[in-house]
Protein backbone atom coordinates (compact mmCIF):
# COMPACT_ATOMS: atom_id res chain seq x y z
CA MET A 1 2.56 -23.75 29.00
CA SER A 2 4.66 -20.73 28.99
CA TRP A 3 4.01 -17.51 28.33
CA HIS A 4 6.49 -17.39 25.57
CA SER A 5 5.06 -20.21 23.58
CA THR A 6 1.60 -18.58 24.60
CA TYR A 7 2.75 -14.94 23.06
CA ASP A 8 5.13 -17.13 20.35
CA PHE A 9 1.70 -19.09 19.23
CA LEU A 10 -0.62 -16.21 19.15
CA ARG A 11 1.54 -14.24 17.03
CA HIS A 12 1.75 -17.18 14.64
CA MET A 13 -2.03 -16.67 14.56
CA ALA A 14 -2.13 -13.05 13.55
CA ASP A 15 0.32 -12.86 11.16
CA SER A 16 -1.46 -16.19 8.74
CA TRP A 17 -5.18 -16.22 9.81
CA GLY A 18 -5.55 -12.42 11.24
CA LEU A 19 -3.55 -11.24 7.90
CA LEU A 20 -6.46 -13.37 6.08
CA ALA A 21 -9.26 -12.50 7.71
CA MET A 22 -8.29 -9.34 7.07
CA MET A 23 -7.69 -9.52 3.32
CA LEU A 24 -11.08 -11.30 3.45
CA MET A 25 -12.83 -8.41 4.83
CA TRP A 26 -11.02 -5.91 3.05
CA ILE A 27 -12.78 -7.71 0.10
CA ALA A 28 -15.64 -8.37 0.88
CA PHE A 29 -16.45 -4.29 1.68
CA ALA A 30 -14.85 -3.28 -1.14
CA LEU A 31 -17.35 -5.41 -3.26
CA TRP A 32 -21.05 -4.30 -0.52
CA PRO A 33 -21.57 -1.42 -2.87
CA PHE A 34 -21.69 -4.11 -6.13
CA ARG A 35 -24.07 -6.32 -4.83
CA PRO A 36 -27.26 -6.17 -7.00
CA GLY A 37 -29.91 -5.20 -4.68
CA ALA A 38 -27.97 -2.71 -3.64
CA LYS A 39 -28.97 -0.56 -6.58
CA HIS A 40 -31.29 1.86 -4.92
CA HIS A 41 -29.07 2.67 -1.62
CA ASN A 42 -26.94 3.54 -3.97
CA ASP A 43 -28.59 5.76 -6.06
CA ARG A 44 -29.89 7.21 -2.64
CA ALA A 45 -26.97 8.49 -1.25
CA ALA A 46 -25.54 9.55 -4.91
CA ASN A 47 -28.75 12.04 -5.06
CA MET A 48 -29.10 13.04 -0.98
CA ILE A 49 -26.29 16.07 -1.18
CA PHE A 50 -29.48 17.57 -3.91
CA GLU A 51 -32.42 17.46 -2.07
CA ASP A 52 -33.66 19.92 -0.17
CA GLN A 53 -34.18 19.97 3.48
CA ASN A 54 -37.53 19.89 3.66
CA ASP A 55 -38.61 17.86 0.52
CA GLY A 56 -38.60 14.64 3.47
CA LYS A 57 -41.73 16.23 4.97
């Protein structure tokens, strides 16, 4: 297997499967905050800026 054919193989893999993997990761990251168990974490993050620095101590 020559260097050129290895490059072509890796380029083909990146163009097809790499794009598919990145698209699936983007969809997963975009939907992650909307999962059922995330409500508490989302509410905490949304209200964190309104807490005083000494409230947690």
